[in-house]
C-alpha atoms as a PDB file:
ATOM      1  CA  MET A   1     107.852 -96.112  78.035  1.00  0.00           C
ATOM      2  CA  HIS A   2     110.307 -93.268  77.782  1.00  0.00           C
ATOM      3  CA  GLU A   3     109.873 -90.740  75.012  1.00  0.00           C
ATOM      4  CA  LEU A   4     112.913 -90.052  72.871  1.00  0.00           C
ATOM      5  CA  HIS A   5     113.206 -86.347  72.204  1.00  0.00           C
ATOM      6  CA  PRO A   6     114.631 -85.082  68.892  1.00  0.00           C
ATOM      7  CA  PRO A   7     118.332 -84.216  69.016  1.00  0.00           C
ATOM      8  CA  PRO A   8     119.451 -80.599  69.240  1.00  0.00           C
ATOM      9  CA  SER A   9     120.558 -78.935  66.044  1.00  0.00           C
ATOM     10  CA  PRO A  10     124.309 -79.421  65.466  1.00  0.00           C
ATOM     11  CA  ALA A  11     124.544 -75.754  64.542  1.00  0.00           C
ATOM     12  CA  THR A  12     123.273 -74.633  67.924  1.00  0.00           C
ATOM     13  CA  ALA A  13     124.572 -77.387  70.214  1.00  0.00           C
ATOM     14  CA  ALA A  14     127.270 -76.123  72.558  1.00  0.00           C
ATOM     15  CA  ARG A  15     130.530 -78.017  72.450  1.00  0.00           C
ATOM     16  CA  MET A  16     132.610 -78.613  75.542  1.00  0.00           C
ATOM     17  CA  PRO A  17     136.282 -78.268  74.605  1.00  0.00           C
ATOM     18  CA  PRO A  18     138.507 -81.182  75.601  1.00  0.00           C
ATOM     19  CA  PRO A  19     140.888 -80.757  78.518  1.00  0.00           C
ATOM     20  CA  PRO A  20     144.201 -79.195  77.487  1.00  0.00           C
ATOM     21  CA  PRO A  21     147.116 -81.563  76.822  1.00  0.00           C
ATOM     22  CA  THR A  22     149.300 -82.203  79.831  1.00  0.00           C
ATOM     23  CA  PRO A  23     153.056 -82.806  80.047  1.00  0.00           C
ATOM     24  CA  SER A  24     154.452 -86.176  81.095  1.00  0.00           C
ATOM     25  CA  LEU A  25     154.470 -86.888  84.805  1.00  0.00           C
ATOM     26  CA  PRO A  26     157.888 -86.424  86.497  1.00  0.00           C
ATOM     27  CA  PRO A  27     159.119 -89.206  88.849  1.00  0.00           C
ATOM     28  CA  ASP A  28     158.314 -87.406  92.124  1.00  0.00           C
ATOM     29  CA  LEU A  29     154.734 -86.727  91.044  1.00  0.00           C
ATOM     30  CA  HIS A  30     154.420 -90.260  89.708  1.00  0.00           C
ATOM     31  CA  ARG A  31     155.154 -91.498  93.232  1.00  0.00           C
ATOM     32  CA  VAL A  32     152.333 -89.299  94.538  1.00  0.00           C
ATOM     33  CA  LEU A  33     150.038 -90.737  91.873  1.00  0.00           C
ATOM     34  CA  SER A  34     150.813 -94.288  93.005  1.00  0.00           C
ATOM     35  CA  LEU A  35     150.183 -93.382  96.667  1.00  0.00           C
ATOM     36  CA  LEU A  36     146.837 -91.611  96.268  1.00  0.00           C
ATOM     37  CA  PRO A  37     144.681 -94.785  95.929  1.00  0.00           C
ATOM     38  CA  ARG A  38     146.181 -96.131  99.175  1.00  0.00           C
ATOM     39  CA  LEU A  39     145.742 -93.059 101.370  1.00  0.00           C
ATOM     40  CA  ALA A  40     143.587 -93.881 104.378  1.00  0.00           C
ATOM     41  CA  SER A  41     143.094 -90.516 106.082  1.00  0.00           C
ATOM     42  CA  PRO A  42     141.989 -87.019 105.032  1.00  0.00           C
ATOM     43  CA  ARG A  43     145.144 -85.567 106.630  1.00  0.00           C
ATOM     44  CA  HIS A  44     147.419 -87.627 104.368  1.00  0.00           C
ATOM     45  CA  LEU A  45     145.430 -86.631 101.301  1.00  0.00           C
ATOM     46  CA  LEU A  46     145.730 -82.932 102.123  1.00  0.00           C
ATOM     47  CA  GLN A  47     149.465 -83.410 102.643  1.00  0.00           C
ATOM     48  CA  ALA A  48     149.763 -85.025  99.207  1.00  0.00           C
ATOM     49  CA  HIS A  49     147.831 -82.146  97.666  1.00  0.00           C
ATOM     50  CA  ALA A  50     150.078 -79.620  99.378  1.00  0.00           C
ATOM     51  CA  TYR A  51     153.144 -81.491  98.127  1.00  0.00           C
ATOM     52  CA  PHE A  52     152.282 -81.490  94.431  1.00  0.00           C
ATOM     53  CA  LEU A  53     150.788 -77.990  94.140  1.00  0.00           C
ATOM     54  CA  PRO A  54     154.111 -76.070  94.116  1.00  0.00           C
ATOM     55  CA  ARG A  55     155.531 -78.729  91.751  1.00  0.00           C
ATOM     56  CA  GLY A  56     152.948 -78.055  89.042  1.00  0.00           C
ATOM     57  CA  GLY A  57     150.819 -81.103  89.825  1.00  0.00           C
ATOM     58  CA  HIS A  58     147.616 -79.252  88.954  1.00  0.00           C
ATOM     59  CA  ARG A  59     148.696 -79.312  85.282  1.00  0.00           C
ATOM     60  CA  HIS A  60     148.582 -83.123  85.147  1.00  0.00           C
ATOM     61  CA  THR A  61     145.101 -84.487  84.440  1.00  0.00           C
ATOM     62  CA  ARG A  62     145.879 -87.995  85.700  1.00  0.00           C
ATOM     63  CA  LEU A  63     147.126 -86.662  89.021  1.00  0.00           C
ATOM     64  CA  VAL A  64     144.189 -84.301  89.543  1.00  0.00           C
ATOM     65  CA  SER A  65     141.735 -87.069  88.622  1.00  0.00           C
ATOM     66  CA  ALA A  66     143.372 -89.448  91.120  1.00  0.00           C
ATOM     67  CA  LEU A  67     143.289 -86.747  93.797  1.00  0.00           C
ATOM     68  CA  LEU A  68     139.613 -86.111  93.100  1.00  0.00           C
ATOM     69  CA  LEU A  69     138.842 -89.832  93.265  1.00  0.00           C
ATOM     70  CA  ALA A  70     140.674 -90.142  96.598  1.00  0.00           C
ATOM     71  CA  SER A  71     138.819 -87.111  97.920  1.00  0.00           C
ATOM     72  CA  LEU A  72     135.516 -88.725  96.933  1.00  0.00           C
ATOM     73  CA  ARG A  73     136.491 -92.032  98.495  1.00  0.00           C
ATOM     74  CA  LEU A  74     137.475 -90.754 101.941  1.00  0.00           C
ATOM     75  CA  PRO A  75     135.227 -88.565 101.640  1.00  0.00           C
ATOM     76  CA  LEU A  76     136.232 -84.900 101.846  1.00  0.00           C
ATOM     77  CA  ARG A  77     133.210 -83.045 100.530  1.00  0.00           C
ATOM     78  CA  ASP A  78     134.560 -79.484 100.855  1.00  0.00           C
ATOM     79  CA  HIS A  79     137.877 -80.481  99.319  1.00  0.00           C
ATOM     80  CA  THR A  80     136.103 -82.279  96.468  1.00  0.00           C
ATOM     81  CA  ALA A  81     133.885 -79.276  95.770  1.00  0.00           C
ATOM     82  CA  ALA A  82     136.949 -77.011  95.604  1.00  0.00           C
ATOM     83  CA  LEU A  83     138.654 -79.385  93.155  1.00  0.00           C
ATOM     84  CA  VAL A  84     135.575 -79.587  90.957  1.00  0.00           C
ATOM     85  CA  ARG A  85     135.580 -75.812  90.509  1.00  0.00           C
ATOM     86  CA  ARG A  86     139.191 -75.879  89.310  1.00  0.00           C
ATOM     87  CA  VAL A  87     139.392 -78.816  86.906  1.00  0.00           C
ATOM     88  CA  HIS A  88     137.896 -79.618  83.535  1.00  0.00           C
ATOM     89  CA  PRO A  89     134.379 -81.124  83.845  1.00  0.00           C
ATOM     90  CA  SER A  90     135.382 -84.308  82.014  1.00  0.00           C
ATOM     91  CA  VAL A  91     138.012 -85.011  84.699  1.00  0.00           C
ATOM     92  CA  SER A  92     135.422 -84.705  87.464  1.00  0.00           C
ATOM     93  CA  LEU A  93     132.900 -86.873  85.619  1.00  0.00           C
ATOM     94  CA  ARG A  94     135.429 -89.634  84.987  1.00  0.00           C
ATOM     95  CA  ALA A  95     136.449 -89.654  88.642  1.00  0.00           C
ATOM     96  CA  ALA A  96     132.816 -89.707  89.797  1.00  0.00           C
ATOM     97  CA  ALA A  97     131.988 -92.561  87.423  1.00  0.00           C
ATOM     98  CA  ARG A  98     134.883 -94.633  88.750  1.00  0.00           C
ATOM     99  CA  LEU A  99     133.468 -94.527  92.288  1.00  0.00           C
ATOM    100  CA  ARG A 100     131.183 -97.582  92.143  1.00  0.00           C
ATOM    101  CA  GLY A 101     128.104 -98.205  94.220  1.00  0.00           C
ATOM    102  CA  GLY A 102     125.833 -95.978  96.218  1.00  0.00           C
ATOM    103  CA  GLY A 103     128.060 -95.443  99.256  1.00  0.00           C
ATOM    104  CA  GLY A 104     130.856 -92.975  99.853  1.00  0.00           C
ATOM    105  CA  GLY A 105     130.832 -89.269  99.211  1.00  0.00           C
ATOM    106  CA  GLY A 106     130.407 -89.221  95.452  1.00  0.00           C
ATOM    107  CA  GLY A 107     126.617 -89.406  95.203  1.00  0.00           C
ATOM    108  CA  TRP A 108     126.113 -85.660  95.683  1.00  0.00           C
ATOM    109  CA  LEU A 109     128.844 -84.751  93.194  1.00  0.00           C
ATOM    110  CA  ILE A 110     127.193 -85.885  89.964  1.00  0.00           C
ATOM    111  CA  PRO A 111     124.078 -83.665  90.271  1.00  0.00           C
ATOM    112  CA  GLN A 112     126.396 -80.767  91.179  1.00  0.00           C
ATOM    113  CA  LEU A 113     128.503 -81.403  88.071  1.00  0.00           C
ATOM    114  CA  HIS A 114     125.349 -81.675  86.000  1.00  0.00           C
ATOM    115  CA  SER A 115     124.214 -78.270  87.248  1.00  0.00           C
ATOM    116  CA  LEU A 116     127.641 -76.721  86.573  1.00  0.00           C
ATOM    117  CA  LEU A 117     127.660 -78.062  83.006  1.00  0.00           C
ATOM    118  CA  LEU A 118     124.194 -76.676  82.319  1.00  0.00           C
ATOM    119  CA  ARG A 119     125.115 -73.231  83.678  1.00  0.00           C
ATOM    120  CA  ALA A 120     128.268 -73.219  81.566  1.00  0.00           C
ATOM    121  CA  GLY A 121     126.239 -73.956  78.422  1.00  0.00           C
ATOM    122  CA  HIS A 122     127.602 -77.477  77.911  1.00  0.00           C
ATOM    123  CA  GLY A 123     124.323 -79.314  78.465  1.00  0.00           C
ATOM    124  CA  ALA A 124     123.894 -80.221  74.786  1.00  0.00           C
ATOM    125  CA  ASP A 125     127.468 -81.413  74.275  1.00  0.00           C
ATOM    126  CA  PRO A 126     127.359 -85.135  73.373  1.00  0.00           C
ATOM    127  CA  HIS A 127     130.657 -85.943  75.110  1.00  0.00           C
ATOM    128  CA  ALA A 128     129.598 -84.258  78.336  1.00  0.00           C
ATOM    129  CA  SER A 129     126.203 -85.961  78.120  1.00  0.00           C
ATOM    130  CA  ALA A 130     127.759 -89.385  77.630  1.00  0.00           C
ATOM    131  CA  SER A 131     129.995 -88.812  80.665  1.00  0.00           C
ATOM    132  CA  LEU A 132     126.998 -87.728  82.739  1.00  0.00           C
ATOM    133  CA  VAL A 133     124.990 -90.778  81.694  1.00  0.00           C
ATOM    134  CA  GLN A 134     127.880 -93.056  82.627  1.00  0.00           C
ATOM    135  CA  ALA A 135     128.424 -91.294  85.957  1.00  0.00           C
ATOM    136  CA  TYR A 136     124.743 -91.532  86.917  1.00  0.00           C
ATOM    137  CA  CYS A 137     124.605 -95.207  85.899  1.00  0.00           C
ATOM    138  CA  SER A 138     127.735 -96.009  87.899  1.00  0.00           C
ATOM    139  CA  ARG A 139     125.982 -94.675  91.003  1.00  0.00           C
ATOM    140  CA  GLY A 140     122.835 -96.689  90.308  1.00  0.00           C
ATOM    141  CA  SER A 141     120.825 -93.578  89.351  1.00  0.00           C
ATOM    142  CA  VAL A 142     119.509 -95.067  86.114  1.00  0.00           C
ATOM    143  CA  ALA A 143     116.405 -92.850  86.049  1.00  0.00           C
ATOM    144  CA  SER A 144     118.588 -89.707  86.231  1.00  0.00           C
ATOM    145  CA  ALA A 145     120.859 -91.128  83.546  1.00  0.00           C
ATOM    146  CA  ARG A 146     117.850 -91.707  81.299  1.00  0.00           C
ATOM    147  CA  ARG A 147     116.671 -88.117  81.754  1.00  0.00           C
ATOM    148  CA  VAL A 148     120.075 -86.833  80.614  1.00  0.00           C
ATOM    149  CA  PHE A 149     120.029 -89.285  77.732  1.00  0.00           C
ATOM    150  CA  ASP A 150     116.550 -88.251  76.563  1.00  0.00           C
ATOM    151  CA  GLU A 151     117.461 -84.561  76.724  1.00  0.00           C
ATOM    152  CA  THR A 152     120.752 -84.726  74.847  1.00  0.00           C
ATOM    153  CA  ALA A 153     122.158 -88.109  73.956  1.00  0.00           C
ATOM    154  CA  ALA A 154     119.590 -89.310  71.407  1.00  0.00           C
ATOM    155  CA  SER A 155     121.636 -87.463  68.809  1.00  0.00           C
ATOM    156  CA  GLY A 156     122.897 -90.594  67.114  1.00  0.00           C
ATOM    157  CA  ASP A 157     126.117 -90.983  69.148  1.00  0.00           C
ATOM    158  CA  VAL A 158     126.340 -94.772  69.492  1.00  0.00           C
ATOM    159  CA  VAL A 159     128.601 -94.470  72.556  1.00  0.00           C
ATOM    160  CA  SER A 160     125.875 -92.706  74.567  1.00  0.00           C
ATOM    161  CA  TRP A 161     123.286 -95.290  73.511  1.00  0.00           C
ATOM    162  CA  ASN A 162     125.602 -98.141  74.505  1.00  0.00           C
ATOM    163  CA  ILE A 163     126.291 -96.569  77.898  1.00  0.00           C
ATOM    164  CA  MET A 164     122.572 -96.185  78.603  1.00  0.00           C
ATOM    165  CA  ILE A 165     121.815 -99.749  77.520  1.00  0.00           C
ATOM    166  CA  ASP A 166     124.655-101.041  79.695  1.00  0.00           C
ATOM    167  CA  GLY A 167     123.278 -99.032  82.623  1.00  0.00           C
ATOM    168  CA  TYR A 168     119.932-100.783  82.258  1.00  0.00           C
ATOM    169  CA  VAL A 169     121.651-104.160  81.962  1.00  0.00           C
ATOM    170  CA  LYS A 170     123.699-103.632  85.122  1.00  0.00           C
ATOM    171  CA  SER A 171     120.542-102.630  87.003  1.00  0.00           C
ATOM    172  CA  GLY A 172     118.829-105.832  85.832  1.00  0.00           C
ATOM    173  CA  ASP A 173     116.273-104.003  83.671  1.00  0.00           C
ATOM    174  CA  LEU A 174     116.555-105.990  80.456  1.00  0.00           C
ATOM    175  CA  ALA A 175     113.156-104.818  79.237  1.00  0.00           C
ATOM    176  CA  HIS A 176     114.259-101.180  78.974  1.00  0.00           C
ATOM    177  CA  ALA A 177     117.681-102.218  77.677  1.00  0.00           C
ATOM    178  CA  ARG A 178     116.033-104.137  74.844  1.00  0.00           C
ATOM    179  CA  GLU A 179     113.526-101.335  74.181  1.00  0.00           C
ATOM    180  CA  LEU A 180     116.389 -98.872  73.716  1.00  0.00           C
ATOM    181  CA  PHE A 181     118.428-101.330  71.668  1.00  0.00           C
ATOM    182  CA  ASP A 182     115.541-101.881  69.244  1.00  0.00           C
ATOM    183  CA  VAL A 183     115.149 -98.155  68.477  1.00  0.00           C
ATOM    184  CA  MET A 184     118.854 -97.304  68.129  1.00  0.00           C
ATOM    185  CA  PRO A 185     119.563 -95.374  64.921  1.00  0.00           C
ATOM    186  CA  GLY A 186     122.791 -97.339  64.513  1.00  0.00           C
ATOM    187  CA  ARG A 187     124.430-100.243  66.344  1.00  0.00           C
ATOM    188  CA  ASN A 188     128.016-101.411  66.611  1.00  0.00           C
ATOM    189  CA  VAL A 189     129.417-104.693  67.874  1.00  0.00           C
ATOM    190  CA  VAL A 190     129.390-103.384  71.464  1.00  0.00           C
ATOM    191  CA  SER A 191     125.633-102.778  71.243  1.00  0.00           C
ATOM    192  CA  TRP A 192     124.958-106.330  70.095  1.00  0.00           C
ATOM    193  CA  THR A 193     127.405-107.923  72.518  1.00  0.00           C
ATOM    194  CA  THR A 194     125.950-106.079  75.513  1.00  0.00           C
ATOM    195  CA  VAL A 195     122.414-107.311  74.862  1.00  0.00           C
ATOM    196  CA  ILE A 196     123.415-110.875  73.912  1.00  0.00           C
ATOM    197  CA  GLY A 197     125.631-111.157  76.985  1.00  0.00           C
ATOM    198  CA  ALA A 198     122.889-109.782  79.227  1.00  0.00           C
ATOM    199  CA  TYR A 199     120.375-112.354  78.051  1.00  0.00           C
ATOM    200  CA  ALA A 200     122.893-115.187  78.442  1.00  0.00           C
ATOM    201  CA  GLN A 201     123.850-114.103  81.976  1.00  0.00           C
ATOM    202  CA  MET A 202     120.217-113.699  83.009  1.00  0.00           C
ATOM    203  CA  LYS A 203     119.453-117.241  81.789  1.00  0.00           C
ATOM    204  CA  GLN A 204     117.317-116.170  78.864  1.00  0.00           C
ATOM    205  CA  PRO A 205     119.092-118.199  76.157  1.00  0.00           C
ATOM    206  CA  GLU A 206     116.240-118.005  73.632  1.00  0.00           C
ATOM    207  CA  GLU A 207     116.477-114.212  73.556  1.00  0.00           C
ATOM    208  CA  ALA A 208     120.289-114.326  73.395  1.00  0.00           C
ATOM    209  CA  ILE A 209     120.149-116.553  70.309  1.00  0.00           C
ATOM    210  CA  GLU A 210     117.381-114.471  68.713  1.00  0.00           C
ATOM    211  CA  VAL A 211     119.472-111.293  69.006  1.00  0.00           C
ATOM    212  CA  PHE A 212     122.576-113.126  67.772  1.00  0.00           C
ATOM    213  CA  ARG A 213     120.724-114.315  64.670  1.00  0.00           C
ATOM    214  CA  ARG A 214     119.635-110.718  64.016  1.00  0.00           C
ATOM    215  CA  MET A 215     123.263-109.725  64.317  1.00  0.00           C
ATOM    216  CA  GLN A 216     124.160-112.319  61.676  1.00  0.00           C
ATOM    217  CA  VAL A 217     121.427-111.096  59.326  1.00  0.00           C
ATOM    218  CA  GLU A 218     122.668-107.503  59.616  1.00  0.00           C
ATOM    219  CA  GLY A 219     126.195-108.595  58.754  1.00  0.00           C
ATOM    220  CA  ILE A 220     127.851-107.585  62.042  1.00  0.00           C
ATOM    221  CA  GLU A 221     130.836-109.792  62.851  1.00  0.00           C
ATOM    222  CA  PRO A 222     130.703-110.961  66.482  1.00  0.00           C
ATOM    223  CA  ASP A 223     133.582-110.499  68.887  1.00  0.00           C
ATOM    224  CA  GLY A 224     134.870-113.049  71.382  1.00  0.00           C
ATOM    225  CA  VAL A 225     132.543-111.905  74.144  1.00  0.00           C
ATOM    226  CA  ALA A 226     129.466-112.366  71.952  1.00  0.00           C
ATOM    227  CA  LEU A 227     130.689-115.811  70.894  1.00  0.00           C
ATOM    228  CA  LEU A 228     131.160-116.889  74.521  1.00  0.00           C
ATOM    229  CA  SER A 229     127.637-115.734  75.342  1.00  0.00           C
ATOM    230  CA  VAL A 230     125.984-117.465  72.395  1.00  0.00           C
ATOM    231  CA  LEU A 231     127.903-120.695  73.075  1.00  0.00           C
ATOM    232  CA  SER A 232     126.537-120.641  76.621  1.00  0.00           C
ATOM    233  CA  ALA A 233     123.020-120.121  75.263  1.00  0.00           C
ATOM    234  CA  CYS A 234     123.468-122.952  72.734  1.00  0.00           C
ATOM    235  CA  GLY A 235     124.531-125.291  75.527  1.00  0.00           C
ATOM    236  CA  ASP A 236     121.571-124.308  77.690  1.00  0.00           C
ATOM    237  CA  LEU A 237     119.102-125.006  74.859  1.00  0.00           C
ATOM    238  CA  GLY A 238     120.905-127.857  73.109  1.00  0.00           C
ATOM    239  CA  VAL A 239     121.112-125.870  69.857  1.00  0.00           C
ATOM    240  CA  VAL A 240     124.061-127.731  68.414  1.00  0.00           C
ATOM    241  CA  ASP A 241     123.688-126.434  64.839  1.00  0.00           C
ATOM    242  CA  LEU A 242     124.366-122.826  65.865  1.00  0.00           C
ATOM    243  CA  GLY A 243     127.125-124.016  68.183  1.00  0.00           C
ATOM    244  CA  GLU A 244     128.748-125.771  65.230  1.00  0.00           C
ATOM    245  CA  TRP A 245     128.503-122.538  63.216  1.00  0.00           C
ATOM    246  CA  VAL A 246     130.335-120.697  66.014  1.00  0.00           C
ATOM    247  CA  HIS A 247     132.959-123.453  66.067  1.00  0.00           C
ATOM    248  CA  ARG A 248     133.529-123.083  62.307  1.00  0.00           C
ATOM    249  CA  PHE A 249     133.663-119.301  62.656  1.00  0.00           C
ATOM    250  CA  VAL A 250     136.317-119.586  65.382  1.00  0.00           C
ATOM    251  CA  LEU A 251     138.425-121.817  63.151  1.00  0.00           C
ATOM    252  CA  GLN A 252     137.999-119.574  60.096  1.00  0.00           C
ATOM    253  CA  ARG A 253     139.032-116.496  62.074  1.00  0.00           C
ATOM    254  CA  ARG A 254     141.959-118.395  63.620  1.00  0.00           C
ATOM    255  CA  LEU A 255     140.668-117.812  67.126  1.00  0.00           C
ATOM    256  CA  TYR A 256     141.565-121.341  68.246  1.00  0.00           C
ATOM    257  CA  GLN A 257     144.420-119.934  70.347  1.00  0.00           C
ATOM    258  CA  GLU A 258     141.815-118.400  72.657  1.00  0.00           C
ATOM    259  CA  VAL A 259     141.551-121.028  75.390  1.00  0.00           C
ATOM    260  CA  PRO A 260     138.306-119.661  76.959  1.00  0.00           C
ATOM    261  CA  LEU A 261     136.585-119.826  73.561  1.00  0.00           C
ATOM    262  CA  MET A 262     137.747-123.388  72.917  1.00  0.00           C
ATOM    263  CA  ASN A 263     136.709-124.441  76.423  1.00  0.00           C
ATOM    264  CA  ALA A 264     133.278-122.892  75.790  1.00  0.00           C
ATOM    265  CA  ILE A 265     132.977-124.878  72.535  1.00  0.00           C
ATOM    266  CA  ILE A 266     133.830-128.097  74.395  1.00  0.00           C
ATOM    267  CA  ASP A 267     131.323-127.227  77.107  1.00  0.00           C
ATOM    268  CA  MET A 268     128.644-126.524  74.479  1.00  0.00           C
ATOM    269  CA  TYR A 269     129.181-129.880  72.757  1.00  0.00           C
ATOM    270  CA  ILE A 270     128.985-131.755  76.065  1.00  0.00           C
ATOM    271  CA  LYS A 271     125.766-130.001  77.087  1.00  0.00           C
ATOM    272  CA  CYS A 272     124.321-130.825  73.659  1.00  0.00           C
ATOM    273  CA  GLY A 273     125.256-134.507  74.119  1.00  0.00           C
ATOM    274  CA  SER A 274     128.071-134.504  71.532  1.00  0.00           C
ATOM    275  CA  VAL A 275     130.759-135.871  73.837  1.00  0.00           C
ATOM    276  CA  LYS A 276     132.784-137.396  70.984  1.00  0.00           C
ATOM    277  CA  LYS A 277     132.939-134.008  69.263  1.00  0.00           C
ATOM    278  CA  ALA A 278     133.964-132.357  72.537  1.00  0.00           C
ATOM    279  CA  VAL A 279     136.854-134.782  72.920  1.00  0.00           C
ATOM    280  CA  GLU A 280     137.946-134.162  69.305  1.00  0.00           C
ATOM    281  CA  VAL A 281     138.020-130.399  69.925  1.00  0.00           C
ATOM    282  CA  PHE A 282     139.977-130.899  73.117  1.00  0.00           C
ATOM    283  CA  GLU A 283     142.515-133.202  71.469  1.00  0.00           C
ATOM    284  CA  GLY A 284     143.078-130.618  68.741  1.00  0.00           C
ATOM    285  CA  MET A 285     143.778-127.734  71.105  1.00  0.00           C
ATOM    286  CA  GLU A 286     147.356-126.451  70.982  1.00  0.00           C
ATOM    287  CA  GLN A 287     146.982-124.660  74.322  1.00  0.00           C
ATOM    288  CA  LYS A 288     145.116-126.217  77.210  1.00  0.00           C
ATOM    289  CA  SER A 289     144.106-125.082  80.665  1.00  0.00           C
ATOM    290  CA  CYS A 290     143.469-127.468  83.519  1.00  0.00           C
ATOM    291  CA  LEU A 291     141.337-129.453  81.081  1.00  0.00           C
ATOM    292  CA  THR A 292     144.660-131.238  80.416  1.00  0.00           C
ATOM    293  CA  GLU A 293     144.347-132.656  83.913  1.00  0.00           C
ATOM    294  CA  ALA A 294     140.744-133.570  83.206  1.00  0.00           C
ATOM    295  CA  ARG A 295     141.790-135.610  80.180  1.00  0.00           C
ATOM    296  CA  GLY A 296     144.332-137.522  82.270  1.00  0.00           C
ATOM    297  CA  LEU A 297     141.698-138.384  84.845  1.00  0.00           C
ATOM    298  CA  VAL A 298     139.308-139.566  82.159  1.00  0.00           C
ATOM    299  CA  GLN A 299     141.930-141.748  80.480  1.00  0.00           C
ATOM    300  CA  ASP A 300     142.828-143.425  83.776  1.00  0.00           C
ATOM    301  CA  MET A 301     139.239-144.306  84.665  1.00  0.00           C
ATOM    302  CA  PRO A 302     138.357-148.045  84.434  1.00  0.00           C
ATOM    303  CA  PHE A 303     135.155-147.225  82.505  1.00  0.00           C
ATOM    304  CA  LYS A 304     134.166-145.004  79.617  1.00  0.00           C
ATOM    305  CA  ALA A 305     133.338-141.404  80.540  1.00  0.00           C
ATOM    306  CA  ASN A 306     129.835-140.185  79.766  1.00  0.00           C
ATOM    307  CA  ALA A 307     128.497-136.654  79.306  1.00  0.00           C
ATOM    308  CA  ALA A 308     127.830-136.243  83.030  1.00  0.00           C
ATOM    309  CA  ILE A 309     131.463-137.013  83.924  1.00  0.00           C
ATOM    310  CA  TRP A 310     132.851-134.661  81.294  1.00  0.00           C
ATOM    311  CA  GLY A 311     130.443-131.957  82.398  1.00  0.00           C
ATOM    312  CA  ALA A 312     131.479-132.337  86.030  1.00  0.00           C
ATOM    313  CA  LEU A 313     135.171-132.097  85.126  1.00  0.00           C
ATOM    314  CA  LEU A 314     134.591-128.999  83.028  1.00  0.00           C
ATOM    315  CA  ALA A 315     132.593-127.376  85.814  1.00  0.00           C
ATOM    316  CA  ALA A 316     135.433-128.091  88.246  1.00  0.00           C
ATOM    317  CA  ALA A 317     137.920-126.584  85.812  1.00  0.00           C
ATOM    318  CA  ARG A 318     135.899-123.362  85.597  1.00  0.00           C
ATOM    319  CA  THR A 319     135.384-123.233  89.367  1.00  0.00           C
ATOM    320  CA  HIS A 320     139.104-123.453  90.050  1.00  0.00           C
ATOM    321  CA  GLY A 321     140.042-120.788  87.541  1.00  0.00           C
ATOM    322  CA  ASP A 322     142.268-122.912  85.275  1.00  0.00           C
ATOM    323  CA  ASN A 323     144.616-123.803  88.139  1.00  0.00           C
ATOM    324  CA  PRO A 324     145.947-127.330  87.467  1.00  0.00           C
ATOM    325  CA  SER A 325     147.169-127.747  91.058  1.00  0.00           C
ATOM    326  CA  MET A 326     143.577-127.479  92.266  1.00  0.00           C
ATOM    327  CA  MET A 327     142.398-130.407  90.106  1.00  0.00           C
END
């Protein structure tokens, strides 16, 4: 159990100023920006850097961030370290966070940035802390992310809490994700959706539905991602009454144009044994994916389709990514 430390006083917390606004990118530098992700050798990267320096490229945050990301990817440790000393910390943190996984040359950068921020007096800044938490989580260093969070981010900033919860979810640690979720001082729809989706993906439908019902009680309106997750959980458990509530909610909010949502409703009804209802929903859809092909197959069969047949067709539709030619 991690201890949540009290937040620093707003009067004394240092604030990291945002990076200065940058002018629009001219065409020649835009070409460099498009090339940086494709560079395959350190020599080409250094040539690109040498090209844009006399053209004012260092004043463009997007270009510097892309250069830093390419330098991390190759990797060029000395070059990266030199860039870090010359750009705004938020640029470096965003680039480090975008480098996924534990490989490459970016793992050493985040602790270095953390140290630089502390020495510069930005350790208590909530925006810097949130960026650090995200960067550590993106590298799989969830324990380091939690230390930063406990020191600075428990200040009520819901973004930092959501990032930390998502870090636990991505590492498969739902216990700590739920522990943090339960003690949040305030939650938004992202908080709820992250936890509900995590439970649904990890095949814990009871917990997904329990959190969704809490969300309903607290009056938070779910987004499409939360609805997809709870429909999956309803199908896994056969909880048709909640699935019907989601169906009504989708109709009331005029979300019936969202094909993935409607497909999930059909899938839920089939898993719950309500094949007739599934067919009614399908027939009422204005837009259809490759389920249109599924209907044609069913109509041409010499016998009446049962739930197993509909389920198999829906599974094939999902497997082939809504590509009718694959049916």
